[in-house]
Every structure is written in structure tokens, then in C-alpha cells.
Amino acid sequence: MGELVPVDSVERSIIEIRGVRVILDADLAALYGVETKALTRAVRRNSERFPSDFTFQLSGVEFAHLRRQSGASSQWGGRRYPPLAFTEQGVAGC
């Protein structure tokens, strides 16, 4: 994990949802070099350790809108659930 990540790579991952700047679970997992499901599992198992504004799950409508905007449905693979969005506080706390 000791490698530095270019700032522009992180900045490209930041999007705005519900008026909040966030990074989606898959992008954050990639930055940390772990699988998305491992990251989300760890967050769910330890939810009591984090503040309520740490993360939120996108609604089905938000996820559908995000898919249409990206134009690359293969990017989302076979996800069963909408992604988690990590707020600035959530990213700093990981």
C-alpha cells in the first residue's frame, strides 16, 4: 500500500451525488488495492466505528442515472446492488 497515487487519478474518481462530493466503492477499493466486495464487507461489519455521514448507498434511481451517464455499462459488471458512496470524511477515515 505504500505507493503514491497521482492526484489527478483521485480527482477523476470524485463525483457529486446528493450535493456531496463522493468516491464510489469500486474506485476507493481500486485506490487501496483491494476488491470492492472486501471493502464494502469491512465497512458494513464495522459500521458502528464510523460517523453517520461516512458513507451512503445510492438509490436504484441514482445508480441507473449514473450508469446512463457513464455510457459504459461493462464498467459496472454484474453488480446486484447500487454502490456505496464515500464522503470526504469517509475517505479520510479509511
N, C-alpha and C. Protein backbone atom coordinates (compact mmCIF):
# COMPACT_ATOMS: atom_id res chain seq x y z
N MET A 1 0.81 -1.20 0.00
CA MET A 1 0.00 0.00 0.00
C MET A 1 0.85 1.26 0.00
N GLY A 2 2.14 1.18 0.14
CA GLY A 2 2.99 2.33 0.29
C GLY A 2 3.15 3.19 -0.95
N GLU A 3 2.54 2.81 -2.07
CA GLU A 3 2.69 3.57 -3.30
C GLU A 3 1.83 4.82 -3.28
N LEU A 4 2.36 5.88 -3.90
CA LEU A 4 1.59 7.12 -4.02
C LEU A 4 0.68 7.05 -5.22
N VAL A 5 -0.50 7.63 -5.09
CA VAL A 5 -1.48 7.65 -6.17
C VAL A 5 -1.51 9.06 -6.73
N PRO A 6 -1.40 9.22 -8.05
CA PRO A 6 -1.43 10.55 -8.64
C PRO A 6 -2.73 11.28 -8.29
N VAL A 7 -2.62 12.55 -7.97
CA VAL A 7 -3.76 13.36 -7.56
C VAL A 7 -4.83 13.39 -8.64
N ASP A 8 -4.43 13.50 -9.91
CA ASP A 8 -5.43 13.56 -10.98
C ASP A 8 -6.24 12.27 -11.07
N SER A 9 -5.64 11.14 -10.69
CA SER A 9 -6.36 9.87 -10.67
C SER A 9 -7.46 9.91 -9.62
N VAL A 10 -7.15 10.45 -8.47
CA VAL A 10 -8.14 10.57 -7.39
C VAL A 10 -9.21 11.58 -7.78
N GLU A 11 -8.82 12.70 -8.33
CA GLU A 11 -9.77 13.75 -8.71
C GLU A 11 -10.77 13.25 -9.75
N ARG A 12 -10.34 12.40 -10.67
CA ARG A 12 -11.26 11.85 -11.68
C ARG A 12 -12.30 10.93 -11.06
N SER A 13 -11.99 10.37 -9.91
CA SER A 13 -12.91 9.46 -9.23
C SER A 13 -13.98 10.19 -8.42
N ILE A 14 -13.79 11.46 -8.17
CA ILE A 14 -14.72 12.22 -7.34
C ILE A 14 -15.90 12.68 -8.19
N ILE A 15 -17.11 12.36 -7.70
CA ILE A 15 -18.33 12.80 -8.37
C ILE A 15 -19.23 13.45 -7.32
N GLU A 16 -20.25 14.13 -7.79
CA GLU A 16 -21.18 14.76 -6.85
C GLU A 16 -22.53 14.04 -6.91
N ILE A 17 -22.98 13.59 -5.75
CA ILE A 17 -24.28 12.94 -5.61
C ILE A 17 -24.94 13.53 -4.37
N ARG A 18 -26.21 13.90 -4.50
CA ARG A 18 -26.97 14.50 -3.40
C ARG A 18 -26.29 15.77 -2.89
N GLY A 19 -25.58 16.44 -3.77
CA GLY A 19 -24.91 17.68 -3.39
C GLY A 19 -23.65 17.48 -2.58
N VAL A 20 -23.15 16.24 -2.54
CA VAL A 20 -21.96 15.91 -1.76
C VAL A 20 -20.92 15.30 -2.70
N ARG A 21 -19.67 15.71 -2.52
CA ARG A 21 -18.58 15.11 -3.31
C ARG A 21 -18.23 13.76 -2.70
N VAL A 22 -18.24 12.71 -3.54
CA VAL A 22 -18.02 11.35 -3.06
C VAL A 22 -17.10 10.57 -4.01
N ILE A 23 -16.62 9.45 -3.50
CA ILE A 23 -15.91 8.46 -4.31
C ILE A 23 -16.69 7.16 -4.14
N LEU A 24 -16.99 6.50 -5.24
CA LEU A 24 -17.74 5.25 -5.18
C LEU A 24 -16.86 4.11 -4.68
N ASP A 25 -17.51 3.09 -4.13
CA ASP A 25 -16.80 1.98 -3.51
C ASP A 25 -15.77 1.32 -4.43
N ALA A 26 -16.10 1.11 -5.70
CA ALA A 26 -15.18 0.45 -6.62
C ALA A 26 -13.92 1.29 -6.85
N ASP A 27 -14.09 2.61 -6.94
CA ASP A 27 -12.94 3.49 -7.14
C ASP A 27 -12.06 3.55 -5.90
N LEU A 28 -12.69 3.59 -4.72
CA LEU A 28 -11.93 3.62 -3.48
C LEU A 28 -11.19 2.30 -3.27
N ALA A 29 -11.86 1.20 -3.57
CA ALA A 29 -11.22 -0.11 -3.45
C ALA A 29 -10.00 -0.19 -4.36
N ALA A 30 -10.14 0.32 -5.58
CA ALA A 30 -9.00 0.31 -6.52
C ALA A 30 -7.84 1.14 -5.98
N LEU A 31 -8.14 2.27 -5.37
CA LEU A 31 -7.08 3.11 -4.79
C LEU A 31 -6.33 2.38 -3.68
N TYR A 32 -7.08 1.58 -2.91
CA TYR A 32 -6.47 0.83 -1.81
C TYR A 32 -5.94 -0.53 -2.24
N GLY A 33 -6.21 -0.92 -3.49
CA GLY A 33 -5.70 -2.19 -3.99
C GLY A 33 -6.40 -3.40 -3.40
N VAL A 34 -7.71 -3.26 -3.12
CA VAL A 34 -8.49 -4.37 -2.59
C VAL A 34 -9.71 -4.58 -3.47
N GLU A 35 -10.38 -5.73 -3.30
CA GLU A 35 -11.61 -5.98 -4.04
C GLU A 35 -12.73 -5.13 -3.45
N THR A 36 -13.64 -4.71 -4.31
CA THR A 36 -14.77 -3.89 -3.87
C THR A 36 -15.57 -4.60 -2.79
N LYS A 37 -15.85 -5.87 -2.99
CA LYS A 37 -16.68 -6.57 -2.01
C LYS A 37 -15.97 -6.69 -0.67
N ALA A 38 -14.64 -6.77 -0.65
CA ALA A 38 -13.91 -6.81 0.62
C ALA A 38 -14.03 -5.47 1.35
N LEU A 39 -13.95 -4.38 0.60
CA LEU A 39 -14.08 -3.05 1.20
C LEU A 39 -15.47 -2.87 1.78
N THR A 40 -16.50 -3.16 0.99
CA THR A 40 -17.87 -2.94 1.46
C THR A 40 -18.21 -3.87 2.63
N ARG A 41 -17.70 -5.08 2.60
CA ARG A 41 -17.94 -6.01 3.72
C ARG A 41 -17.32 -5.47 5.00
N ALA A 42 -16.09 -4.97 4.91
CA ALA A 42 -15.42 -4.43 6.09
C ALA A 42 -16.16 -3.21 6.64
N VAL A 43 -16.65 -2.37 5.75
CA VAL A 43 -17.39 -1.17 6.20
C VAL A 43 -18.68 -1.58 6.90
N ARG A 44 -19.40 -2.52 6.32
CA ARG A 44 -20.68 -2.96 6.92
C ARG A 44 -20.46 -3.65 8.27
N ARG A 45 -19.42 -4.44 8.36
CA ARG A 45 -19.15 -5.15 9.62
C ARG A 45 -18.71 -4.21 10.74
N ASN A 46 -18.17 -3.08 10.36
CA ASN A 46 -17.65 -2.14 11.36
C ASN A 46 -18.39 -0.81 11.35
N SER A 47 -19.64 -0.81 10.96
CA SER A 47 -20.40 0.43 10.79
C SER A 47 -20.48 1.27 12.06
N GLU A 48 -20.46 0.62 13.22
CA GLU A 48 -20.54 1.36 14.48
C GLU A 48 -19.31 2.22 14.76
N ARG A 49 -18.23 1.96 14.05
CA ARG A 49 -16.99 2.72 14.25
C ARG A 49 -16.95 4.04 13.49
N PHE A 50 -17.89 4.22 12.57
CA PHE A 50 -17.84 5.37 11.68
C PHE A 50 -19.01 6.32 11.91
N PRO A 51 -18.80 7.61 11.65
CA PRO A 51 -19.90 8.57 11.77
C PRO A 51 -20.96 8.30 10.70
N SER A 52 -22.17 8.78 10.94
CA SER A 52 -23.29 8.51 10.04
C SER A 52 -23.09 9.11 8.65
N ASP A 53 -22.29 10.17 8.53
CA ASP A 53 -22.07 10.79 7.22
C ASP A 53 -20.85 10.22 6.50
N PHE A 54 -20.34 9.10 6.97
CA PHE A 54 -19.18 8.43 6.41
C PHE A 54 -19.45 7.89 5.01
N THR A 55 -20.61 7.27 4.85
CA THR A 55 -20.95 6.64 3.59
C THR A 55 -22.47 6.51 3.46
N PHE A 56 -22.93 6.38 2.23
CA PHE A 56 -24.34 6.08 1.99
C PHE A 56 -24.44 5.26 0.72
N GLN A 57 -25.53 4.51 0.60
CA GLN A 57 -25.74 3.69 -0.59
C GLN A 57 -26.61 4.46 -1.58
N LEU A 58 -26.22 4.42 -2.84
CA LEU A 58 -27.01 5.08 -3.87
C LEU A 58 -28.36 4.40 -3.99
N SER A 59 -29.37 5.16 -4.34
CA SER A 59 -30.68 4.57 -4.61
C SER A 59 -30.62 3.90 -5.98
N GLY A 60 -31.62 3.09 -6.26
CA GLY A 60 -31.69 2.45 -7.57
C GLY A 60 -31.76 3.47 -8.70
N VAL A 61 -32.51 4.56 -8.47
CA VAL A 61 -32.65 5.61 -9.47
C VAL A 61 -31.30 6.32 -9.70
N GLU A 62 -30.59 6.62 -8.61
CA GLU A 62 -29.28 7.27 -8.73
C GLU A 62 -28.31 6.38 -9.49
N PHE A 63 -28.34 5.09 -9.19
CA PHE A 63 -27.44 4.15 -9.85
C PHE A 63 -27.77 4.04 -11.33
N ALA A 64 -29.04 3.98 -11.67
CA ALA A 64 -29.44 3.91 -13.09
C ALA A 64 -28.99 5.17 -13.82
N HIS A 65 -29.14 6.33 -13.19
CA HIS A 65 -28.71 7.59 -13.79
C HIS A 65 -27.20 7.59 -14.00
N LEU A 66 -26.46 7.12 -13.02
CA LEU A 66 -25.01 7.06 -13.12
C LEU A 66 -24.57 6.13 -14.25
N ARG A 67 -25.24 5.01 -14.40
CA ARG A 67 -24.93 4.08 -15.49
C ARG A 67 -25.13 4.74 -16.85
N ARG A 68 -26.26 5.44 -16.98
CA ARG A 68 -26.55 6.11 -18.26
C ARG A 68 -25.51 7.19 -18.55
N GLN A 69 -25.10 7.92 -17.52
CA GLN A 69 -24.12 8.99 -17.72
C GLN A 69 -22.77 8.45 -18.14
N SER A 70 -22.36 7.32 -17.57
CA SER A 70 -21.02 6.80 -17.85
C SER A 70 -20.93 6.24 -19.26
N GLY A 71 -22.04 5.71 -19.78
CA GLY A 71 -22.04 5.18 -21.14
C GLY A 71 -21.29 3.87 -21.29
N ALA A 72 -20.75 3.34 -20.20
CA ALA A 72 -20.00 2.08 -20.28
C ALA A 72 -20.57 1.12 -19.25
N SER A 73 -21.63 0.42 -19.62
CA SER A 73 -22.29 -0.47 -18.66
C SER A 73 -21.37 -1.59 -18.20
N SER A 74 -20.40 -1.98 -19.04
CA SER A 74 -19.49 -3.05 -18.64
C SER A 74 -18.63 -2.62 -17.45
N GLN A 75 -18.47 -1.34 -17.25
CA GLN A 75 -17.70 -0.82 -16.12
C GLN A 75 -18.32 -1.25 -14.80
N TRP A 76 -19.63 -1.45 -14.78
CA TRP A 76 -20.34 -1.79 -13.55
C TRP A 76 -20.48 -3.29 -13.36
N GLY A 77 -20.03 -4.08 -14.32
CA GLY A 77 -20.06 -5.52 -14.17
C GLY A 77 -21.43 -6.05 -13.83
N GLY A 78 -21.48 -7.08 -13.02
CA GLY A 78 -22.74 -7.70 -12.65
C GLY A 78 -23.20 -7.32 -11.27
N ARG A 79 -23.06 -6.08 -10.90
CA ARG A 79 -23.45 -5.64 -9.56
C ARG A 79 -24.91 -5.95 -9.28
N ARG A 80 -25.18 -6.45 -8.09
CA ARG A 80 -26.55 -6.72 -7.68
C ARG A 80 -27.15 -5.53 -6.95
N TYR A 81 -26.30 -4.74 -6.33
CA TYR A 81 -26.76 -3.63 -5.50
C TYR A 81 -26.11 -2.33 -5.95
N PRO A 82 -26.79 -1.22 -5.73
CA PRO A 82 -26.15 0.07 -6.03
C PRO A 82 -24.90 0.25 -5.16
N PRO A 83 -23.93 0.99 -5.65
CA PRO A 83 -22.67 1.14 -4.92
C PRO A 83 -22.81 2.00 -3.67
N LEU A 84 -21.82 1.86 -2.80
CA LEU A 84 -21.69 2.77 -1.66
C LEU A 84 -20.94 3.99 -2.14
N ALA A 85 -21.31 5.13 -1.61
CA ALA A 85 -20.61 6.38 -1.90
C ALA A 85 -19.93 6.83 -0.61
N PHE A 86 -18.64 7.09 -0.69
CA PHE A 86 -17.88 7.52 0.48
C PHE A 86 -17.68 9.02 0.42
N THR A 87 -18.08 9.69 1.49
CA THR A 87 -17.91 11.14 1.56
C THR A 87 -16.45 11.47 1.84
N GLU A 88 -16.13 12.74 1.83
CA GLU A 88 -14.76 13.16 2.12
C GLU A 88 -14.33 12.66 3.50
N GLN A 89 -15.24 12.71 4.47
CA GLN A 89 -14.92 12.21 5.81
C GLN A 89 -14.69 10.70 5.77
N GLY A 90 -15.44 10.01 4.93
CA GLY A 90 -15.30 8.57 4.80
C GLY A 90 -13.99 8.17 4.18
N VAL A 91 -13.57 8.91 3.17
CA VAL A 91 -12.30 8.59 2.51
C VAL A 91 -11.14 8.83 3.47
N ALA A 92 -11.19 9.93 4.20
CA ALA A 92 -10.12 10.24 5.15
C ALA A 92 -10.07 9.23 6.30
N GLY A 93 -11.22 8.63 6.61
CA GLY A 93 -11.28 7.69 7.73
C GLY A 93 -10.86 6.28 7.38
N CYS A 94 -10.73 5.97 6.11
CA CYS A 94 -10.38 4.59 5.72
C CYS A 94 -8.93 4.28 6.03
